[in-house]
Amino acid sequence: MRLSMQMRGFLGLAIGVAISFHIAWAQKPGSPPGGGGASHGQPGNIPPGVPGRVEGPGPGSLNGSIYLIGDVVLDDGSPPPDPVTIERVCNGSPRAQAYTDRQGRFSFQVGQTAGIIQDASEDGAGMPGTMRPPASMINGSGLQQVQQPNTPDRLLANCDLRAVLAGYRSDNISLGMRRVMDDPNVGTIVLHRLAEVEGSAISVTSLQAPKEARRAYEKAREDLRKNKSAAARTELKKAVDAYPRYAAAWYELGRIQLAAQESEPAHQSFTNAVASDPKFVSPYLQLAEMAAKAANWTELSDVTTRLLKLDSVDYPMAYFYSATANLNLGQLDAAEKSALAGEKLDTPHRYPRLEQVLAVILARKKDYAGAITHLRNYLLLAPDAEDAERMRKQLAELEKL
């Protein structure tokens, strides 16, 4: 059967659509967002820690609100050298609440996230094609249930607290039994290194940096918290001048440059970060995003291959980008393998584009039934995506085949 113009367009789709939506994965999990996600280009929103920490035991309530404090340590007992995100996970839905400070401590008011940038994949925020939790529930009889008010105690119902850092598994602390007047100290959350993950969102060079470089880096983070990106840039340059192998400083400098649309300097800074610490995963994420936006499929394939060798469990979107690169390079089997691996990893279905790229791959391989299945899945997961209407038309064309 001859292919229609619409179908030929679908088969020729160079999934550049990956570039058109916010790329929430392109930052290290467990660190304050800056260069990627829904607040792309806003490094000044990166807080270095949590001000106003409540110290010592005592009632965890102020004006009827619940405050929680605690600590995060790595499995060797040391605090993380860089900020780690603290998430409250309720009914399986994560929400960033705070960042750790230099000592690994955190504190926050439950439900308040001012100054905390949410990953665009969380609750479907910021990413077209991601399902949002329903605003209400439907009971067995089909009648709409009235939601209970979000009283302080109910904000903790069916909730756990965890730390998020790529390459590590976090202990979970149950919050369901906590009440307003309980001791706010939840204790210590331990991050356990994953044996199968070689890369890390923590650069070992941060631990080796001399005092002068570390001091400049910390000052830069403080400047970023105050939205002083120019001052932060100056301090980061001091840090890398004092210690050229300071991978975390190169990475933060690259994000500032990228926010200022200085693509070539940013690319060089991220490349310097990788050269300084090849197992530091964060700069690979930024390099991949830049390669995708530039439609540089060879570089995108190389970067995602290296990233996934370092960490194959934390970045479903890395598999999407790998599939996209291989699709555009004509390597359909490799593209399908990457997309299927990403789909298997993405159990919450936060990245519906994996279904879309699989549909294109299978259509090119003339597996039209498989393509139809994945395109239907995409439209089910992303009914309001910007390209949903176009995908529906292409689904109808596929069904004719």
Protein backbone atom coordinates (compact mmCIF):
# COMPACT_ATOMS: atom_id res chain seq x y z
CA MET A 1 0.00 0.00 0.00
CA ARG A 2 1.32 3.42 -0.89
CA LEU A 3 2.12 5.63 2.06
CA SER A 4 0.32 8.93 2.45
CA MET A 5 2.23 12.18 2.84
CA GLN A 6 1.31 12.23 6.54
CA MET A 7 2.70 8.76 7.07
CA ARG A 8 5.89 9.51 5.17
CA GLY A 9 6.28 12.52 7.43
CA PHE A 10 5.82 10.30 10.47
CA LEU A 11 8.38 7.77 9.29
CA GLY A 12 10.79 10.61 8.55
CA LEU A 13 10.28 12.15 11.98
CA ALA A 14 13.74 12.91 13.40
CA ILE A 15 12.36 12.99 16.90
CA GLY A 16 13.60 16.52 17.17
CA VAL A 17 10.43 16.87 19.25
CA ALA A 18 12.71 15.76 22.06
CA ILE A 19 14.29 19.15 21.85
CA SER A 20 11.07 21.13 21.94
CA PHE A 21 9.96 20.31 25.47
CA HIS A 22 11.58 20.92 28.84
CA ILE A 23 14.30 18.35 29.53
CA ALA A 24 13.86 17.61 33.19
CA TRP A 25 16.34 14.78 33.31
CA ALA A 26 19.26 16.98 32.35
CA GLN A 27 20.58 17.60 35.81
CA LYS A 28 21.95 15.48 38.56
CA PRO A 29 19.20 13.91 40.67
CA GLY A 30 19.60 15.03 44.22
CA SER A 31 21.04 18.45 43.48
CA PRO A 32 19.25 21.77 43.24
CA PRO A 33 18.11 22.30 39.64
CA GLY A 34 19.60 25.09 37.61
CA GLY A 35 20.42 24.32 34.02
CA GLY A 36 17.57 22.04 33.01
CA GLY A 37 13.92 21.38 33.61
CA ALA A 38 11.12 23.89 33.84
CA SER A 39 13.38 26.63 35.14
CA HIS A 40 16.01 26.29 32.46
CA GLY A 41 18.34 29.23 32.44
CA GLN A 42 17.76 30.28 36.05
CA PRO A 43 20.86 29.29 37.97
CA GLY A 44 20.16 32.01 40.49
CA ASN A 45 17.41 29.85 41.93
CA ILE A 46 19.88 27.34 43.32
CA PRO A 47 19.96 27.56 47.10
CA PRO A 48 23.14 26.21 48.68
CA GLY A 49 21.37 25.00 51.79
CA VAL A 50 18.39 25.62 53.96
CA PRO A 51 18.29 28.85 55.95
CA GLY A 52 16.40 29.13 59.20
CA ARG A 53 17.05 25.59 60.35
CA VAL A 54 15.28 24.63 63.58
CA GLU A 55 17.87 23.30 66.00
CA GLY A 56 17.32 20.84 68.81
CA PRO A 57 14.26 18.90 69.92
CA GLY A 58 10.94 20.55 70.52
CA PRO A 59 7.41 20.74 69.12
CA GLY A 60 7.45 20.61 65.35
CA SER A 61 4.64 23.11 65.00
CA LEU A 62 4.32 26.81 64.42
CA ASN A 63 0.88 28.31 63.80
CA GLY A 64 -0.50 24.83 63.16
CA SER A 65 2.15 23.94 60.55
CA ILE A 66 4.50 20.96 60.71
CA TYR A 67 8.25 21.49 60.58
CA LEU A 68 10.71 18.67 60.04
CA ILE A 69 14.47 18.55 60.47
CA GLY A 70 17.02 15.81 59.95
CA ASP A 71 20.36 14.81 58.47
CA VAL A 72 21.62 12.96 55.42
CA VAL A 73 24.83 10.92 55.39
CA LEU A 74 26.50 8.64 52.89
CA ASP A 75 26.91 5.01 53.87
CA ASP A 76 30.44 5.72 55.14
CA GLY A 77 28.99 8.20 57.65
CA SER A 78 30.16 11.36 55.89
CA PRO A 79 27.80 14.15 54.77
CA PRO A 80 27.33 14.64 51.01
CA PRO A 81 29.81 17.28 49.79
CA ASP A 82 27.13 18.93 47.62
CA PRO A 83 23.42 19.70 48.24
CA VAL A 84 21.02 16.77 48.09
CA THR A 85 17.28 17.09 47.43
CA ILE A 86 14.87 15.97 50.15
CA GLU A 87 11.61 14.63 48.74
CA ARG A 88 8.28 13.97 50.41
CA VAL A 89 6.64 11.07 48.56
CA CYS A 90 2.89 10.76 49.13
CA ASN A 91 0.87 7.99 47.49
CA GLY A 92 3.81 7.41 45.16
CA SER A 93 4.01 11.05 44.01
CA PRO A 94 7.33 12.80 44.85
CA ARG A 95 7.64 16.46 45.77
CA ALA A 96 10.93 18.24 46.48
CA GLN A 97 10.82 19.96 49.86
CA ALA A 98 14.34 21.05 50.80
CA TYR A 99 18.07 20.82 50.14
CA THR A 100 20.78 19.74 52.53
CA ASP A 101 23.41 22.20 53.71
CA ARG A 102 27.18 21.66 53.89
CA GLN A 103 26.80 19.44 56.96
CA GLY A 104 24.10 17.33 55.34
CA ARG A 105 21.35 18.89 57.47
CA PHE A 106 17.90 19.91 56.26
CA SER A 107 14.77 21.58 57.60
CA PHE A 108 11.48 22.61 56.04
CA GLN A 109 7.83 23.37 56.65
CA VAL A 110 5.69 20.57 55.25
CA GLY A 111 3.88 21.65 52.12
CA GLN A 112 5.91 24.82 51.66
CA THR A 113 8.32 24.73 48.70
CA ALA A 114 9.28 28.39 48.24
CA GLY A 115 12.74 28.51 46.67
CA ILE A 116 12.60 24.80 45.83
CA ILE A 117 12.59 24.12 42.08
CA GLN A 118 10.56 21.05 41.25
CA ASP A 119 11.82 18.57 38.70
CA ALA A 120 9.60 19.01 35.67
CA SER A 121 8.68 15.33 35.83
CA GLU A 122 7.22 15.61 39.30
CA ASP A 123 3.43 15.60 39.36
CA GLY A 124 3.55 16.19 35.63
CA ALA A 125 4.63 19.78 36.12
CA GLY A 126 6.35 21.48 33.26
CA MET A 127 6.56 18.56 30.85
CA PRO A 128 4.08 18.30 28.01
CA GLY A 129 2.93 14.74 27.63
CA THR A 130 3.07 13.84 31.31
CA MET A 131 -0.04 12.87 33.24
CA ARG A 132 -1.01 14.95 36.24
CA PRO A 133 -2.60 13.31 39.29
CA PRO A 134 -6.39 13.71 39.19
CA ALA A 135 -7.82 16.56 41.22
CA SER A 136 -10.47 14.25 42.63
CA MET A 137 -11.11 10.55 43.05
CA ILE A 138 -13.91 8.37 41.72
CA ASN A 139 -15.29 5.69 44.02
CA GLY A 140 -16.57 2.27 42.98
CA SER A 141 -20.08 3.55 42.27
CA GLY A 142 -18.78 6.20 39.92
CA LEU A 143 -19.63 9.04 42.28
CA GLN A 144 -17.14 11.80 42.83
CA GLN A 145 -15.69 11.88 46.34
CA VAL A 146 -15.09 15.17 48.07
CA GLN A 147 -11.43 15.57 48.97
CA GLN A 148 -10.58 16.05 52.59
CA PRO A 149 -9.00 19.40 53.53
CA ASN A 150 -5.21 19.49 53.66
CA THR A 151 -4.88 19.84 57.41
CA PRO A 152 -1.27 19.67 58.69
CA ASP A 153 -1.63 16.05 59.82
CA ARG A 154 -3.21 14.98 56.51
CA LEU A 155 -0.23 16.42 54.62
CA LEU A 156 1.75 13.49 56.02
CA ALA A 157 -0.80 10.72 55.39
CA ASN A 158 0.65 7.90 53.28
CA CYS A 159 3.91 9.84 52.97
CA ASP A 160 7.60 8.95 53.24
CA LEU A 161 10.68 11.14 53.31
CA ARG A 162 13.76 10.33 51.24
CA ALA A 163 16.95 11.85 49.87
CA VAL A 164 17.65 11.78 46.13
CA LEU A 165 21.12 11.36 44.69
CA ALA A 166 22.03 9.59 41.46
CA GLY A 167 23.94 6.37 42.07
CA TYR A 168 22.57 5.95 45.58
CA ARG A 169 19.57 4.28 47.22
CA SER A 170 17.94 6.26 50.01
CA ASP A 171 16.49 5.04 53.28
CA ASN A 172 12.83 5.99 53.58
CA ILE A 173 11.39 7.55 56.72
CA SER A 174 7.65 7.04 57.21
CA LEU A 175 5.74 10.20 58.09
CA GLY A 176 2.23 8.75 58.28
CA MET A 177 2.09 8.54 62.07
CA ARG A 178 3.60 11.97 62.79
CA ARG A 179 1.45 14.71 64.32
CA VAL A 180 1.72 18.45 64.68
CA MET A 181 3.24 18.46 68.18
CA ASP A 182 5.76 15.65 67.63
CA ASP A 183 9.52 16.21 67.88
CA PRO A 184 10.46 17.70 64.46
CA ASN A 185 13.67 15.67 64.22
CA VAL A 186 13.05 12.73 61.87
CA GLY A 187 16.57 11.37 62.35
CA THR A 188 19.18 10.45 59.76
CA ILE A 189 18.61 9.38 56.18
CA VAL A 190 21.40 7.14 54.87
CA LEU A 191 22.31 7.05 51.17
CA HIS A 192 23.63 3.64 50.12
CA ARG A 193 25.92 3.39 47.10
CA LEU A 194 24.48 1.21 44.32
CA ALA A 195 26.95 -1.52 43.47
CA GLU A 196 25.98 -1.60 39.77
CA VAL A 197 26.43 2.16 39.29
CA GLU A 198 29.94 3.35 38.53
CA GLY A 199 29.15 7.03 38.03
CA SER A 200 28.08 9.49 40.68
CA ALA A 201 26.39 12.86 41.05
CA ILE A 202 29.17 13.66 43.53
CA SER A 203 32.56 14.49 42.08
CA VAL A 204 35.53 13.09 43.97
CA THR A 205 37.46 16.21 43.01
CA SER A 206 35.20 18.22 45.34
CA LEU A 207 36.72 16.32 48.25
CA GLN A 208 40.24 17.00 46.99
CA ALA A 209 39.84 20.73 46.31
CA PRO A 210 42.20 23.00 48.28
CA LYS A 211 40.69 25.49 50.75
CA GLU A 212 41.07 28.49 48.45
CA ALA A 213 39.16 26.79 45.63
CA ARG A 214 36.53 25.37 47.97
CA ARG A 215 35.99 28.78 49.54
CA ALA A 216 35.42 30.37 46.12
CA TYR A 217 33.03 27.57 45.16
CA GLU A 218 30.98 27.98 48.34
CA LYS A 219 30.86 31.75 47.80
CA ALA A 220 29.61 31.12 44.25
CA ARG A 221 26.80 28.92 45.56
CA GLU A 222 25.84 31.63 48.02
CA ASP A 223 25.81 34.18 45.19
CA LEU A 224 23.61 31.91 43.11
CA ARG A 225 21.14 31.63 45.97
CA LYS A 226 20.93 35.43 45.94
CA ASN A 227 20.47 35.55 42.16
CA LYS A 228 23.91 37.11 41.70
CA SER A 229 25.01 35.06 38.70
CA ALA A 230 27.71 37.53 37.62
CA ALA A 231 29.36 37.38 41.04
CA ALA A 232 29.00 33.59 41.06
CA ARG A 233 30.70 33.37 37.68
CA THR A 234 33.65 35.36 39.03
CA GLU A 235 33.98 33.08 42.06
CA LEU A 236 33.74 29.92 39.97
CA LYS A 237 36.52 31.16 37.71
CA LYS A 238 38.61 31.73 40.83
CA ALA A 239 37.84 28.18 41.92
CA VAL A 240 38.90 26.56 38.64
CA ASP A 241 41.97 28.81 38.38
CA ALA A 242 43.04 27.69 41.84
CA TYR A 243 42.17 24.06 41.12
CA PRO A 244 41.79 23.25 37.38
CA ARG A 245 40.46 19.76 38.16
CA TYR A 246 37.48 21.11 40.14
CA ALA A 247 34.77 19.28 38.17
CA ALA A 248 31.81 20.61 40.19
CA ALA A 249 33.00 24.20 39.70
CA TRP A 250 33.41 23.67 35.94
CA TYR A 251 29.90 22.20 35.86
CA GLU A 252 28.32 25.15 37.70
CA LEU A 253 30.24 27.61 35.53
CA GLY A 254 28.93 25.84 32.44
CA ARG A 255 25.37 26.15 33.67
CA ILE A 256 25.75 29.90 34.17
CA GLN A 257 27.25 30.23 30.69
CA LEU A 258 24.46 28.13 29.20
CA ALA A 259 21.83 30.30 30.91
CA ALA A 260 23.51 33.33 29.28
CA GLN A 261 23.28 31.57 25.90
CA GLU A 262 27.05 31.24 25.69
CA SER A 263 26.92 27.82 24.09
CA GLU A 264 30.56 27.35 23.12
CA PRO A 265 32.01 28.40 26.52
CA ALA A 266 29.36 26.30 28.27
CA HIS A 267 30.21 23.26 26.14
CA GLN A 268 33.89 23.73 26.96
CA SER A 269 33.18 24.03 30.69
CA PHE A 270 31.13 20.82 30.69
CA THR A 271 33.87 19.11 28.68
CA ASN A 272 36.43 20.29 31.25
CA ALA A 273 34.24 18.87 34.02
CA VAL A 274 34.15 15.47 32.29
CA ALA A 275 37.91 15.55 31.71
CA SER A 276 38.49 16.43 35.38
CA ASP A 277 36.28 13.62 36.67
CA PRO A 278 35.11 11.11 34.03
CA LYS A 279 32.76 9.43 36.54
CA PHE A 280 30.93 12.66 37.43
CA VAL A 281 27.60 12.18 35.60
CA SER A 282 26.13 15.69 35.76
CA PRO A 283 28.11 17.31 32.91
CA TYR A 284 27.24 14.39 30.61
CA LEU A 285 23.58 15.31 31.09
CA GLN A 286 24.16 18.89 29.99
CA LEU A 287 26.31 17.84 27.04
CA ALA A 288 23.56 15.47 25.93
CA GLU A 289 20.94 18.19 26.11
CA MET A 290 23.12 20.54 24.08
CA ALA A 291 23.78 17.84 21.46
CA ALA A 292 20.06 17.10 21.18
CA LYS A 293 19.18 20.75 20.69
CA ALA A 294 21.88 21.04 18.03
CA ALA A 295 20.68 17.81 16.34
CA ASN A 296 24.25 16.52 16.65
CA TRP A 297 23.25 12.87 16.65
CA THR A 298 26.79 11.47 16.65
CA GLU A 299 27.76 13.43 19.75
CA LEU A 300 24.41 12.63 21.40
CA SER A 301 24.98 8.92 20.82
CA ASP A 302 28.51 9.12 22.22
CA VAL A 303 27.54 11.12 25.30
CA THR A 304 24.52 8.98 26.20
CA THR A 305 26.51 5.78 25.67
CA ARG A 306 29.14 6.98 28.12
CA LEU A 307 26.51 8.19 30.57
CA LEU A 308 24.56 4.94 30.56
CA LYS A 309 27.75 2.96 31.16
CA LEU A 310 28.28 5.05 34.28
CA ASP A 311 24.67 4.98 35.48
CA SER A 312 22.08 2.76 33.84
CA VAL A 313 19.37 3.13 36.49
CA ASP A 314 18.73 6.82 37.18
CA TYR A 315 18.02 8.42 33.80
CA PRO A 316 15.16 7.04 31.66
CA MET A 317 15.45 10.08 29.42
CA ALA A 318 19.06 9.18 28.64
CA TYR A 319 17.69 6.05 26.98
CA PHE A 320 15.22 8.21 25.06
CA TYR A 321 18.03 10.41 23.80
CA SER A 322 20.12 7.36 22.94
CA ALA A 323 17.18 5.95 20.98
CA THR A 324 16.67 9.30 19.24
CA ALA A 325 20.33 9.52 18.26
CA ASN A 326 20.45 5.97 16.91
CA LEU A 327 17.16 6.45 15.06
CA ASN A 328 18.54 9.48 13.27
CA LEU A 329 21.78 7.63 12.54
CA GLY A 330 19.81 4.80 10.93
CA GLN A 331 20.73 2.25 13.62
CA LEU A 332 17.22 0.98 14.23
CA ASP A 333 18.06 -2.10 16.30
CA ALA A 334 20.20 -0.06 18.70
CA ALA A 335 17.48 2.60 18.84
CA GLU A 336 14.82 0.03 19.70
CA LYS A 337 17.02 -1.54 22.37
CA SER A 338 17.59 1.82 24.06
CA ALA A 339 13.94 2.83 23.91
CA LEU A 340 12.79 -0.51 25.38
CA ALA A 341 15.36 -0.22 28.18
CA GLY A 342 14.13 3.28 28.99
CA GLU A 343 10.51 2.15 28.93
CA LYS A 344 11.32 -0.69 31.34
CA LEU A 345 13.06 1.73 33.69
CA ASP A 346 10.28 4.32 33.50
CA THR A 347 7.75 2.39 35.59
CA PRO A 348 5.84 5.57 36.67
CA HIS A 349 5.45 6.49 32.96
CA ARG A 350 6.81 9.99 33.45
CA TYR A 351 8.37 10.08 29.99
CA PRO A 352 5.68 9.28 27.39
CA ARG A 353 8.07 10.30 24.59
CA LEU A 354 9.65 6.86 25.00
CA GLU A 355 6.41 5.42 23.62
CA GLN A 356 6.49 7.88 20.74
CA VAL A 357 10.04 7.13 19.70
CA LEU A 358 9.30 3.39 19.87
CA ALA A 359 6.33 3.95 17.56
CA VAL A 360 8.54 5.70 15.00
CA ILE A 361 11.26 3.05 15.23
CA LEU A 362 8.81 0.18 14.76
CA ALA A 363 7.04 1.97 11.90
CA ARG A 364 10.38 2.34 10.13
CA LYS A 365 10.93 -1.38 10.65
CA LYS A 366 7.46 -1.93 9.15
CA ASP A 367 6.15 -3.41 12.39
CA TYR A 368 2.96 -1.39 12.07
CA ALA A 369 1.06 -3.31 14.75
CA GLY A 370 3.79 -2.58 17.28
CA ALA A 371 3.95 1.04 16.19
CA ILE A 372 0.19 1.38 16.66
CA THR A 373 0.41 -0.06 20.18
CA HIS A 374 3.10 2.37 21.29
CA LEU A 375 1.50 5.37 19.62
CA ARG A 376 -1.77 4.54 21.39
CA ASN A 377 0.16 4.31 24.65
CA TYR A 378 1.70 7.71 23.99
CA LEU A 379 -1.69 9.31 23.40
CA LEU A 380 -3.09 7.59 26.49
CA LEU A 381 -0.26 8.93 28.65
CA ALA A 382 -0.11 12.32 26.95
CA PRO A 383 -3.60 13.19 25.69
CA ASP A 384 -2.94 16.92 25.94
CA ALA A 385 0.56 17.00 24.46
CA GLU A 386 1.27 19.76 21.96
CA ASP A 387 1.56 17.24 19.14
CA ALA A 388 -1.32 15.01 20.29
CA GLU A 389 -3.66 15.95 17.44
CA ARG A 390 -0.94 15.34 14.86
CA MET A 391 -0.14 11.98 16.47
CA ARG A 392 -3.82 11.01 16.33
CA LYS A 393 -3.85 11.65 12.59
CA GLN A 394 -0.69 9.60 12.16
CA LEU A 395 -2.21 6.82 14.26
CA ALA A 396 -5.16 6.75 11.88
CA GLU A 397 -2.72 6.50 8.95
CA LEU A 398 -0.89 3.63 10.65
CA GLU A 399 -4.14 1.79 11.29
CA LYS A 400 -4.88 1.91 7.54
CA LEU A 401 -1.68 -0.04 6.97
